Amino acid sequence: MFGDPMKNEKKWETQSLGHISDVGSSKRVFVEELGDEGVPFFRGTEIGKLAEGINIIPTLFITQGHYEQLKTHTGIPKVGDLLMPSICPDGRIWRITDDKPFYFKDGRVLWISLKNSKINGTYLQCVLKEIFKSNYNNIASGTTFAELKIFALKNIKTPVPPIELQTKFANIVEKVEALKTQCQQSLTELQNMYGVLSQKAFKGELNLTTFEITNEPMDAKKKAVKVNLHEEYGEIKKSRKMKKDISNLSLDEYLEIPRELIQHNDKWMFDFINDDVFYQFLLKDGFKDKTFTLEDIDSKYFDFFQNTGDIDFDYEKWKNIIFKFMETTPPLIEQMFEEETKTVKLKLTNEAYKA
């Protein structure tokens, strides 16, 4: 209907995403402001699951009073707005379809609010998915893992077909989604039926002669063999006699890990979580030429640990790493007093870009 959004063979009018929408994030909510009840608070993990159509049970909340303050001062997402994790190579974009109250984590979740009547939210959601799938690495930034930035989203050129055509497409999508929901409900019914049949078979109440059972093998799908990358490549660093410049290297490039071993394994970096180099690469990719605090590290990488690694952000571990990097000779991190904020901040030294 619309063609490839990157090639725009149909010569649709194009506009930057920042022109047709407001692109941003939320106001920061601190860890100590989260509780066990109130208005649901979503991180990138939850937003990604909602985008996949997965029902979630909220685990973090803010108070109703805090929510009302945020609603007044910064606004809240409305029906039709789009939210996505900042790490989104597969286009997990959630389109809000109801007005149930919630809030979300700043920086780790990006917010697109339509401000132009020429754009349909469903169309924009789909076209952005296509753009991310084909051109994500050129839009996102970061060598260890590519992350979307607000300024980069604003600059994305988006085809803008006639709104009538977009609306027609959106109606088709809604019908397909309705069919998908029906199929999921049918799958649930089948699973429930399977449970009943299993119980009957176990109790000997099921006549198995009515079922055709064959010994033919299923389609040959090779199971992926999990390779412990640390065991295979963890000694490379120790074998080097001289440090090398890692400013523009990702961790896999530095450790000389073949791409085919990690392209289908999102969690591969966590094989090296007990190595200092793991933390060094996260720091140099996240805080180049800028000061930071432990709270800034939490804000940037909390969802990475939760979403990609399925583990908690370990504050004590990070504290120990920071002290270790400050005490090593020469140090990788130094302290400095920031006059503007009257606070002590951390800053990477040139040594942090060598390994």
Protein backbone atom coordinates (compact mmCIF):
# COMPACT_ATOMS: atom_id res chain seq x y z
CA MET A 1 0.00 0.00 0.00
CA PHE A 2 2.74 2.47 0.96
CA GLY A 3 5.92 0.85 -0.34
CA ASP A 4 9.30 0.81 1.38
CA PRO A 5 9.48 3.85 3.74
CA MET A 6 13.25 4.03 3.29
CA LYS A 7 13.09 4.17 -0.53
CA ASN A 8 9.73 5.96 -0.80
CA GLU A 9 9.22 4.70 -4.35
CA LYS A 10 5.72 6.19 -4.42
CA LYS A 11 7.10 9.68 -3.82
CA TRP A 12 4.94 10.48 -0.79
CA GLU A 13 5.49 13.79 0.96
CA THR A 14 8.05 13.36 3.75
CA GLN A 15 8.32 15.21 7.04
CA SER A 16 10.63 14.82 10.02
CA LEU A 17 9.17 13.05 13.03
CA GLY A 18 9.93 16.12 15.14
CA HIS A 19 7.72 18.21 12.83
CA ILE A 20 4.64 15.99 12.97
CA SER A 21 4.92 14.99 16.65
CA ASP A 22 6.36 15.91 20.01
CA VAL A 23 9.26 13.56 20.77
CA GLY A 24 10.57 13.28 24.33
CA SER A 25 10.41 11.28 27.54
CA SER A 26 9.03 11.69 31.05
CA LYS A 27 10.03 13.64 34.15
CA ARG A 28 12.47 11.68 36.29
CA VAL A 29 11.00 9.59 39.09
CA PHE A 30 13.57 8.61 41.71
CA VAL A 31 13.88 5.10 43.12
CA GLU A 32 12.82 6.22 46.59
CA GLU A 33 9.57 7.61 45.10
CA LEU A 34 8.43 4.18 43.92
CA GLY A 35 6.13 2.02 46.02
CA ASP A 36 4.02 -1.13 46.08
CA GLU A 37 0.66 0.45 45.26
CA GLY A 38 -0.84 3.39 43.43
CA VAL A 39 -0.49 4.27 39.75
CA PRO A 40 1.52 1.72 37.68
CA PHE A 41 5.05 2.78 36.74
CA PHE A 42 6.47 1.20 33.58
CA ARG A 43 10.11 0.76 32.55
CA GLY A 44 11.41 -0.19 29.13
CA THR A 45 10.86 -3.85 30.03
CA GLU A 46 7.13 -3.42 30.54
CA ILE A 47 6.69 -1.11 27.54
CA GLY A 48 8.38 -3.69 25.29
CA LYS A 49 6.03 -6.43 26.53
CA LEU A 50 2.96 -4.25 26.09
CA ALA A 51 4.10 -3.55 22.53
CA GLU A 52 4.17 -7.31 21.94
CA GLY A 53 0.59 -7.63 23.22
CA ILE A 54 1.67 -9.34 26.43
CA ASN A 55 -0.46 -8.66 29.50
CA ILE A 56 1.70 -7.57 32.41
CA ILE A 57 1.23 -7.33 36.15
CA PRO A 58 2.74 -4.03 37.37
CA THR A 59 5.32 -4.33 40.14
CA LEU A 60 6.24 -0.68 40.61
CA PHE A 61 3.94 2.24 41.40
CA ILE A 62 3.86 5.94 42.23
CA THR A 63 1.30 7.58 44.49
CA GLN A 64 -1.87 9.09 43.08
CA GLY A 65 -0.76 12.48 44.38
CA HIS A 66 2.61 12.23 42.63
CA TYR A 67 0.86 11.17 39.43
CA GLU A 68 -1.43 14.20 39.57
CA GLN A 69 1.60 16.49 40.01
CA LEU A 70 3.32 14.96 36.99
CA LYS A 71 0.10 15.19 35.00
CA THR A 72 -0.14 18.92 35.75
CA HIS A 73 3.53 19.81 35.23
CA THR A 74 4.61 17.66 32.28
CA GLY A 75 1.49 16.01 30.93
CA ILE A 76 0.81 12.30 30.47
CA PRO A 77 0.54 10.03 27.42
CA LYS A 78 -2.90 10.00 25.79
CA VAL A 79 -4.75 7.52 23.60
CA GLY A 80 -2.96 7.25 20.25
CA ASP A 81 0.48 8.23 21.57
CA LEU A 82 3.43 5.89 20.99
CA LEU A 83 5.91 4.64 23.59
CA MET A 84 9.00 2.52 23.02
CA PRO A 85 12.06 1.25 24.91
CA SER A 86 15.18 3.25 24.07
CA ILE A 87 16.74 -0.03 22.89
CA CYS A 88 14.30 -1.01 20.15
CA PRO A 89 15.92 -2.71 17.12
CA ASP A 90 12.89 -4.95 16.60
CA GLY A 91 10.38 -2.10 16.58
CA ARG A 92 8.57 -2.85 19.84
CA ILE A 93 6.40 0.26 19.78
CA TRP A 94 3.34 0.42 22.03
CA ARG A 95 0.33 2.42 20.82
CA ILE A 96 -1.85 3.51 23.73
CA THR A 97 -5.45 2.42 23.20
CA ASP A 98 -7.13 3.33 26.51
CA ASP A 99 -6.96 5.99 29.20
CA LYS A 100 -5.91 3.81 32.12
CA PRO A 101 -3.48 5.90 34.24
CA PHE A 102 0.23 5.01 34.29
CA TYR A 103 3.61 6.74 34.22
CA PHE A 104 6.97 5.66 32.85
CA LYS A 105 10.73 5.87 33.34
CA ASP A 106 12.59 8.83 31.88
CA GLY A 107 15.29 8.26 29.28
CA ARG A 108 14.71 4.52 29.03
CA VAL A 109 11.27 4.99 27.47
CA LEU A 110 10.70 7.40 24.58
CA TRP A 111 7.38 9.17 24.00
CA ILE A 112 5.92 10.25 20.65
CA SER A 113 2.80 12.42 20.90
CA LEU A 114 1.07 13.29 17.64
CA LYS A 115 0.42 16.97 16.98
CA ASN A 116 -0.47 16.85 13.29
CA SER A 117 -3.89 15.80 11.96
CA LYS A 118 -2.19 14.52 8.81
CA ILE A 119 -0.76 11.52 10.68
CA ASN A 120 -2.59 8.44 11.95
CA GLY A 121 -1.03 6.84 15.04
CA THR A 122 -1.45 3.28 13.78
CA TYR A 123 0.18 4.17 10.46
CA LEU A 124 3.07 5.91 12.23
CA GLN A 125 3.60 2.94 14.54
CA CYS A 126 3.89 0.59 11.58
CA VAL A 127 6.09 2.83 9.46
CA LEU A 128 8.51 3.37 12.35
CA LYS A 129 8.71 -0.40 12.87
CA GLU A 130 9.73 -0.81 9.23
CA ILE A 131 12.29 1.99 9.47
CA PHE A 132 13.85 0.55 12.64
CA LYS A 133 14.05 -2.97 11.22
CA SER A 134 15.90 -1.82 8.11
CA ASN A 135 17.93 1.15 9.36
CA TYR A 136 18.16 0.93 13.15
CA ASN A 137 21.95 0.93 13.43
CA ASN A 138 22.16 4.16 11.44
CA ILE A 139 19.58 5.87 13.67
CA ALA A 140 20.62 4.60 17.10
CA SER A 141 23.96 5.34 18.79
CA GLY A 142 26.35 3.41 21.03
CA THR A 143 28.98 0.82 20.24
CA THR A 144 28.17 -1.81 22.87
CA PHE A 145 24.44 -1.66 22.25
CA ALA A 146 22.60 0.77 20.00
CA GLU A 147 20.21 3.10 21.82
CA LEU A 148 17.70 5.55 20.40
CA LYS A 149 18.12 9.21 21.31
CA ILE A 150 15.44 11.89 21.23
CA PHE A 151 17.33 14.08 18.76
CA ALA A 152 17.80 11.13 16.38
CA LEU A 153 14.10 10.27 16.49
CA LYS A 154 13.17 13.86 15.72
CA ASN A 155 15.30 13.76 12.57
CA ILE A 156 13.74 10.62 11.10
CA LYS A 157 12.15 11.38 7.74
CA THR A 158 8.67 9.86 7.58
CA PRO A 159 6.53 9.41 4.45
CA VAL A 160 3.15 11.15 4.86
CA PRO A 161 0.57 9.63 2.47
CA PRO A 162 -2.95 11.12 2.32
CA ILE A 163 -4.68 10.76 5.69
CA GLU A 164 -7.58 8.92 4.02
CA LEU A 165 -5.19 6.17 2.91
CA GLN A 166 -3.59 6.03 6.36
CA THR A 167 -7.02 5.68 7.99
CA LYS A 168 -7.98 2.88 5.59
CA PHE A 169 -4.75 1.08 6.51
CA ALA A 170 -5.41 1.62 10.24
CA ASN A 171 -8.86 0.03 9.91
CA ILE A 172 -7.28 -3.03 8.30
CA VAL A 173 -4.74 -3.27 11.12
CA GLU A 174 -7.48 -3.05 13.76
CA LYS A 175 -9.37 -5.91 12.10
CA VAL A 176 -6.19 -8.02 11.98
CA GLU A 177 -5.52 -7.28 15.65
CA ALA A 178 -9.09 -8.34 16.49
CA LEU A 179 -8.51 -11.64 14.66
CA LYS A 180 -5.22 -12.06 16.53
CA THR A 181 -7.04 -11.60 19.84
CA GLN A 182 -9.60 -14.23 18.82
CA CYS A 183 -6.79 -16.64 17.88
CA GLN A 184 -5.10 -16.08 21.22
CA GLN A 185 -8.37 -16.80 23.00
CA SER A 186 -8.73 -19.98 20.96
CA LEU A 187 -5.18 -20.96 21.88
CA THR A 188 -6.01 -20.48 25.56
CA GLU A 189 -9.06 -22.71 25.14
CA LEU A 190 -6.90 -25.36 23.43
CA GLN A 191 -4.36 -25.19 26.24
CA ASN A 192 -7.12 -25.63 28.79
CA MET A 193 -8.47 -28.58 26.79
CA TYR A 194 -4.97 -30.07 26.71
CA GLY A 195 -4.82 -29.83 30.49
CA VAL A 196 -8.13 -31.69 30.85
CA LEU A 197 -7.09 -34.37 28.33
CA SER A 198 -3.73 -34.84 30.06
CA GLN A 199 -5.46 -35.43 33.38
CA LYS A 200 -7.89 -37.92 31.81
CA ALA A 201 -5.03 -39.76 30.09
CA PHE A 202 -3.09 -39.93 33.35
CA LYS A 203 -6.11 -41.37 35.17
CA GLY A 204 -6.78 -43.88 32.37
CA GLU A 205 -10.07 -42.23 31.47
CA LEU A 206 -9.06 -41.42 27.88
CA ASN A 207 -9.43 -43.89 25.00
CA LEU A 208 -6.15 -43.40 23.13
CA THR A 209 -7.21 -45.76 20.31
CA THR A 210 -9.13 -42.84 18.82
CA PHE A 211 -5.90 -40.86 18.34
CA GLU A 212 -3.39 -41.40 15.55
CA ILE A 213 0.11 -41.40 17.05
CA THR A 214 3.16 -41.62 14.77
CA ASN A 215 6.84 -41.97 15.45
CA GLU A 216 7.84 -39.63 12.63
CA PRO A 217 10.33 -37.00 13.75
CA MET A 218 9.33 -33.37 13.83
CA ASP A 219 10.83 -30.90 11.39
CA ALA A 220 14.56 -30.82 11.96
CA LYS A 221 15.18 -27.66 13.96
CA LYS A 222 18.57 -27.62 15.47
CA LYS A 223 18.64 -26.49 19.06
CA ALA A 224 21.00 -23.63 19.64
CA VAL A 225 23.98 -24.71 21.69
CA LYS A 226 24.75 -22.10 24.29
CA VAL A 227 28.43 -21.28 24.23
CA ASN A 228 29.98 -19.75 27.32
CA LEU A 229 31.76 -16.89 25.63
CA HIS A 230 33.81 -16.08 28.71
CA GLU A 231 35.38 -19.52 28.65
CA GLU A 232 36.13 -19.18 24.94
CA TYR A 233 37.25 -15.54 24.74
CA GLY A 234 37.83 -14.31 28.30
CA GLU A 235 41.57 -14.93 28.11
CA ILE A 236 42.14 -12.68 25.09
CA LYS A 237 42.52 -9.58 27.26
CA LYS A 238 45.07 -11.30 29.50
CA SER A 239 47.09 -12.48 26.50
CA ARG A 240 47.63 -8.94 25.20
CA LYS A 241 50.95 -7.39 26.15
CA MET A 242 49.86 -3.83 25.41
CA LYS A 243 46.59 -2.00 25.88
CA LYS A 244 44.68 -0.88 22.81
CA ASP A 245 42.42 2.06 22.09
CA ILE A 246 38.79 1.00 22.66
CA SER A 247 37.15 4.39 22.04
CA ASN A 248 35.28 3.17 18.97
CA LEU A 249 35.21 -0.55 19.68
CA SER A 250 32.33 -2.62 21.00
CA LEU A 251 33.03 -5.35 23.54
CA ASP A 252 32.63 -8.14 21.00
CA GLU A 253 35.08 -6.41 18.62
CA TYR A 254 37.59 -5.96 21.43
CA LEU A 255 37.34 -9.62 22.47
CA GLU A 256 37.34 -10.74 18.82
CA ILE A 257 34.07 -12.67 19.17
CA PRO A 258 32.60 -13.76 15.81
CA ARG A 259 29.31 -12.03 15.07
CA GLU A 260 27.53 -15.30 14.35
CA LEU A 261 27.99 -16.34 17.99
CA ILE A 262 26.14 -13.32 19.35
CA GLN A 263 23.68 -12.19 16.68
CA HIS A 264 20.90 -14.38 18.12
CA ASN A 265 21.97 -14.07 21.76
CA ASP A 266 20.92 -10.77 23.34
CA LYS A 267 22.40 -11.74 26.70
CA TRP A 268 25.92 -12.57 25.51
CA MET A 269 27.53 -9.60 27.31
CA PHE A 270 26.44 -11.00 30.65
CA ASP A 271 28.85 -13.91 30.22
CA PHE A 272 31.46 -11.28 31.17
CA ILE A 273 29.59 -9.68 34.08
CA ASN A 274 32.29 -10.72 36.55
CA ASP A 275 35.02 -9.03 34.49
CA ASP A 276 36.01 -5.39 34.99
CA VAL A 277 36.06 -4.91 31.22
CA PHE A 278 32.27 -5.46 31.12
CA TYR A 279 31.75 -2.39 33.32
CA GLN A 280 34.48 -0.41 31.60
CA PHE A 281 32.73 -0.73 28.23
CA LEU A 282 29.36 0.25 29.68
CA LEU A 283 30.88 3.34 31.25
CA LYS A 284 32.89 4.46 28.22
CA ASP A 285 29.88 3.98 25.93
CA GLY A 286 27.45 5.71 28.26
CA PHE A 287 29.42 8.59 29.73
CA LYS A 288 31.96 9.75 27.19
CA ASP A 289 32.97 13.38 27.78
CA LYS A 290 30.38 13.90 30.52
CA THR A 291 30.24 13.83 34.31
CA PHE A 292 28.01 11.34 36.07
CA THR A 293 26.93 9.84 39.39
CA LEU A 294 25.92 6.37 40.52
CA GLU A 295 22.31 7.47 40.09
CA ASP A 296 23.05 8.37 36.47
CA ILE A 297 24.46 4.87 35.91
CA ASP A 298 21.29 3.43 37.42
CA SER A 299 19.10 5.61 35.19
CA LYS A 300 20.98 4.60 32.04
CA TYR A 301 21.50 0.89 32.63
CA PHE A 302 18.73 -0.24 35.01
CA ASP A 303 16.52 -1.47 32.16
CA PHE A 304 19.49 -3.01 30.34
CA PHE A 305 20.17 -5.26 33.33
CA GLN A 306 16.48 -5.99 33.95
CA ASN A 307 15.33 -6.31 30.35
CA THR A 308 18.31 -7.87 28.59
CA GLY A 309 20.10 -9.60 31.44
CA ASP A 310 17.08 -10.62 33.55
CA ILE A 311 19.00 -9.57 36.65
CA ASP A 312 18.75 -6.72 39.13
CA PHE A 313 20.92 -3.61 38.92
CA ASP A 314 23.54 -4.30 41.63
CA TYR A 315 24.32 -1.02 43.39
CA GLU A 316 27.00 -2.54 45.64
CA LYS A 317 28.78 -4.11 42.70
CA TRP A 318 28.79 -0.78 40.87
CA LYS A 319 30.10 1.03 43.96
CA ASN A 320 32.97 -1.46 44.22
CA ILE A 321 33.75 -1.06 40.52
CA ILE A 322 33.81 2.74 40.79
CA PHE A 323 36.17 2.66 43.78
CA LYS A 324 38.35 0.10 42.03
CA PHE A 325 38.55 2.21 38.86
CA MET A 326 39.44 5.27 40.97
CA GLU A 327 42.19 3.49 42.91
CA THR A 328 43.88 1.70 40.03
CA THR A 329 47.11 3.15 38.61
CA PRO A 330 46.59 5.08 36.44
CA PRO A 331 42.93 5.64 37.43
CA LEU A 332 40.03 5.11 35.00
CA ILE A 333 37.72 7.40 36.97
CA GLU A 334 38.38 10.65 38.80
CA GLN A 335 36.26 12.81 41.06
CA MET A 336 35.55 16.46 40.39
CA PHE A 337 33.50 19.19 42.01
CA GLU A 338 30.85 20.61 39.70
CA GLU A 339 30.39 24.29 40.48
CA GLU A 340 27.05 24.57 38.68
CA THR A 341 25.32 21.93 40.81
CA LYS A 342 27.63 22.16 43.85
CA THR A 343 28.03 18.38 43.83
CA VAL A 344 30.86 15.89 43.49
CA LYS A 345 30.68 14.10 40.15
CA LEU A 346 32.63 11.32 38.45
CA LYS A 347 34.44 11.59 35.13
CA LEU A 348 36.24 9.05 32.98
CA THR A 349 39.95 9.61 32.41
CA ASN A 350 41.76 8.90 29.14
CA GLU A 351 42.78 5.56 30.65
CA ALA A 352 39.14 4.43 30.56
CA TYR A 353 39.40 4.27 26.77
CA LYS A 354 42.28 1.76 26.82
CA ALA A 355 42.09 -1.95 27.57
